[in-house]
Amino acid sequence: MIFPLKELIEYDENMYEVTTAASRRAYQLSSVMEKEEKDDYDGKMVALAARQVFTEEVQFRLEIE
């Protein structure tokens, strides 16, 4: 799996928000996946998370306190 460069280039919203969302999603994925599943992704959790965020498979929102 490669990092979604096309989506990254075309993204015209707040880059900090999408970067934070992808890194938090990568953390979630690495926390819940079993060791065997992690081995299949060969350490590419950030690429998987970024793809999920850019394709809106996973949605995020900014919470202001």
N, C-alpha and C. Protein backbone atom coordinates (compact mmCIF):
# COMPACT_ATOMS: atom_id res chain seq x y z
N MET A 1 0.84 -1.17 0.00
CA MET A 1 0.00 0.00 0.00
C MET A 1 0.89 1.24 0.00
N ILE A 2 0.55 2.19 -0.82
CA ILE A 2 1.33 3.42 -0.88
C ILE A 2 0.54 4.57 -0.28
N PHE A 3 1.24 5.62 0.05
CA PHE A 3 0.60 6.81 0.61
C PHE A 3 -0.20 7.49 -0.49
N PRO A 4 -1.41 7.96 -0.21
CA PRO A 4 -2.29 8.54 -1.23
C PRO A 4 -1.84 9.94 -1.67
N LEU A 5 -0.82 10.02 -2.50
CA LEU A 5 -0.25 11.31 -2.90
C LEU A 5 -1.22 12.16 -3.71
N LYS A 6 -1.98 11.54 -4.59
CA LYS A 6 -2.91 12.30 -5.42
C LYS A 6 -3.92 13.04 -4.53
N GLU A 7 -4.48 12.33 -3.56
CA GLU A 7 -5.44 12.95 -2.66
C GLU A 7 -4.78 14.03 -1.81
N LEU A 8 -3.56 13.80 -1.41
CA LEU A 8 -2.83 14.77 -0.60
C LEU A 8 -2.59 16.06 -1.39
N ILE A 9 -2.22 15.94 -2.64
CA ILE A 9 -1.97 17.11 -3.48
C ILE A 9 -3.25 17.89 -3.74
N GLU A 10 -4.35 17.16 -3.96
CA GLU A 10 -5.62 17.81 -4.28
C GLU A 10 -6.36 18.33 -3.05
N TYR A 11 -5.92 17.99 -1.88
CA TYR A 11 -6.60 18.40 -0.66
C TYR A 11 -6.40 19.89 -0.43
N ASP A 12 -7.51 20.64 -0.30
CA ASP A 12 -7.39 22.08 -0.16
C ASP A 12 -7.98 22.60 1.16
N GLU A 13 -8.14 21.72 2.12
CA GLU A 13 -8.63 22.11 3.43
C GLU A 13 -7.44 22.29 4.39
N ASN A 14 -7.72 22.31 5.66
CA ASN A 14 -6.69 22.50 6.68
C ASN A 14 -5.79 21.26 6.77
N MET A 15 -4.54 21.40 6.37
CA MET A 15 -3.62 20.27 6.33
C MET A 15 -3.29 19.77 7.74
N TYR A 16 -3.26 20.66 8.72
CA TYR A 16 -2.99 20.24 10.09
C TYR A 16 -4.08 19.30 10.58
N GLU A 17 -5.34 19.60 10.30
CA GLU A 17 -6.44 18.76 10.74
C GLU A 17 -6.36 17.37 10.13
N VAL A 18 -6.13 17.29 8.83
CA VAL A 18 -6.10 15.98 8.18
C VAL A 18 -4.88 15.18 8.62
N THR A 19 -3.76 15.85 8.88
CA THR A 19 -2.57 15.16 9.37
C THR A 19 -2.81 14.60 10.76
N THR A 20 -3.44 15.39 11.61
CA THR A 20 -3.77 14.94 12.96
C THR A 20 -4.75 13.78 12.91
N ALA A 21 -5.76 13.88 12.06
CA ALA A 21 -6.75 12.81 11.94
C ALA A 21 -6.09 11.51 11.48
N ALA A 22 -5.21 11.60 10.50
CA ALA A 22 -4.53 10.40 10.00
C ALA A 22 -3.61 9.79 11.05
N SER A 23 -2.89 10.61 11.79
CA SER A 23 -1.99 10.05 12.79
C SER A 23 -2.77 9.44 13.96
N ARG A 24 -3.88 10.05 14.33
CA ARG A 24 -4.72 9.44 15.38
C ARG A 24 -5.35 8.15 14.90
N ARG A 25 -5.76 8.11 13.65
CA ARG A 25 -6.32 6.87 13.09
C ARG A 25 -5.26 5.78 13.04
N ALA A 26 -4.03 6.13 12.68
CA ALA A 26 -2.95 5.14 12.66
C ALA A 26 -2.72 4.57 14.05
N TYR A 27 -2.79 5.42 15.05
CA TYR A 27 -2.65 4.97 16.43
C TYR A 27 -3.78 4.01 16.80
N GLN A 28 -5.01 4.36 16.40
CA GLN A 28 -6.15 3.48 16.67
C GLN A 28 -5.96 2.12 16.01
N LEU A 29 -5.56 2.13 14.75
CA LEU A 29 -5.37 0.89 14.03
C LEU A 29 -4.31 0.01 14.68
N SER A 30 -3.20 0.61 15.05
CA SER A 30 -2.13 -0.18 15.65
C SER A 30 -2.51 -0.69 17.03
N SER A 31 -3.44 -0.01 17.70
CA SER A 31 -3.88 -0.45 19.03
C SER A 31 -4.84 -1.63 18.97
N VAL A 32 -5.69 -1.67 17.97
CA VAL A 32 -6.72 -2.70 17.93
C VAL A 32 -6.38 -3.90 17.06
N MET A 33 -5.44 -3.77 16.17
CA MET A 33 -5.10 -4.88 15.29
C MET A 33 -4.29 -5.94 16.04
N GLU A 34 -4.55 -7.15 15.68
CA GLU A 34 -3.76 -8.27 16.22
C GLU A 34 -2.39 -8.27 15.56
N LYS A 35 -1.44 -8.94 16.19
CA LYS A 35 -0.07 -8.96 15.67
C LYS A 35 -0.02 -9.50 14.24
N GLU A 36 -0.79 -10.53 13.94
CA GLU A 36 -0.78 -11.12 12.60
C GLU A 36 -1.27 -10.12 11.55
N GLU A 37 -2.29 -9.33 11.91
CA GLU A 37 -2.80 -8.32 10.98
C GLU A 37 -1.77 -7.22 10.77
N LYS A 38 -1.07 -6.83 11.82
CA LYS A 38 -0.05 -5.79 11.70
C LYS A 38 1.07 -6.23 10.78
N ASP A 39 1.43 -7.51 10.86
CA ASP A 39 2.50 -8.03 9.99
C ASP A 39 2.12 -7.94 8.52
N ASP A 40 0.82 -8.06 8.21
CA ASP A 40 0.36 -7.95 6.83
C ASP A 40 0.58 -6.55 6.27
N TYR A 41 0.50 -5.54 7.14
CA TYR A 41 0.66 -4.15 6.69
C TYR A 41 2.10 -3.69 6.75
N ASP A 42 2.97 -4.48 7.34
CA ASP A 42 4.40 -4.23 7.32
C ASP A 42 4.75 -2.81 7.76
N GLY A 43 4.10 -2.33 8.81
CA GLY A 43 4.44 -1.03 9.37
C GLY A 43 3.91 0.16 8.61
N LYS A 44 2.92 -0.03 7.77
CA LYS A 44 2.40 1.06 6.95
C LYS A 44 1.05 1.56 7.47
N MET A 45 0.94 1.66 8.77
CA MET A 45 -0.31 2.10 9.38
C MET A 45 -0.68 3.52 8.99
N VAL A 46 0.31 4.39 8.87
CA VAL A 46 0.04 5.79 8.52
C VAL A 46 -0.52 5.87 7.11
N ALA A 47 0.01 5.09 6.19
CA ALA A 47 -0.50 5.09 4.82
C ALA A 47 -1.94 4.58 4.78
N LEU A 48 -2.21 3.52 5.53
CA LEU A 48 -3.58 2.99 5.59
C LEU A 48 -4.52 4.01 6.21
N ALA A 49 -4.10 4.63 7.29
CA ALA A 49 -4.93 5.63 7.96
C ALA A 49 -5.18 6.84 7.06
N ALA A 50 -4.15 7.30 6.38
CA ALA A 50 -4.31 8.45 5.48
C ALA A 50 -5.28 8.13 4.36
N ARG A 51 -5.16 6.93 3.80
CA ARG A 51 -6.08 6.54 2.74
C ARG A 51 -7.52 6.53 3.26
N GLN A 52 -7.73 6.01 4.47
CA GLN A 52 -9.07 5.98 5.04
C GLN A 52 -9.62 7.38 5.26
N VAL A 53 -8.78 8.30 5.69
CA VAL A 53 -9.22 9.68 5.92
C VAL A 53 -9.54 10.38 4.60
N PHE A 54 -8.65 10.26 3.61
CA PHE A 54 -8.85 10.94 2.33
C PHE A 54 -10.02 10.38 1.53
N THR A 55 -10.29 9.09 1.64
CA THR A 55 -11.41 8.50 0.91
C THR A 55 -12.70 8.56 1.72
N GLU A 56 -12.63 9.20 2.88
CA GLU A 56 -13.77 9.39 3.78
C GLU A 56 -14.36 8.07 4.27
N GLU A 57 -13.54 7.02 4.27
CA GLU A 57 -13.93 5.76 4.91
C GLU A 57 -14.02 5.98 6.41
N VAL A 58 -13.18 6.88 6.91
CA VAL A 58 -13.20 7.31 8.29
C VAL A 58 -13.37 8.82 8.27
N GLN A 59 -14.31 9.32 9.04
CA GLN A 59 -14.52 10.76 9.08
C GLN A 59 -14.02 11.32 10.39
N PHE A 60 -13.68 12.59 10.39
CA PHE A 60 -13.18 13.24 11.59
C PHE A 60 -13.83 14.60 11.74
N ARG A 61 -13.76 15.12 12.95
CA ARG A 61 -14.28 16.46 13.20
C ARG A 61 -13.42 17.11 14.28
N LEU A 62 -13.37 18.39 14.26
CA LEU A 62 -12.62 19.16 15.23
C LEU A 62 -13.55 19.50 16.39
N GLU A 63 -13.13 19.14 17.58
CA GLU A 63 -13.93 19.46 18.77
C GLU A 63 -13.28 20.61 19.50
N ILE A 64 -14.02 21.68 19.66
CA ILE A 64 -13.52 22.86 20.34
C ILE A 64 -14.13 22.88 21.74
N GLU A 65 -13.26 23.02 22.72
CA GLU A 65 -13.73 23.03 24.11
C GLU A 65 -14.10 24.41 24.56
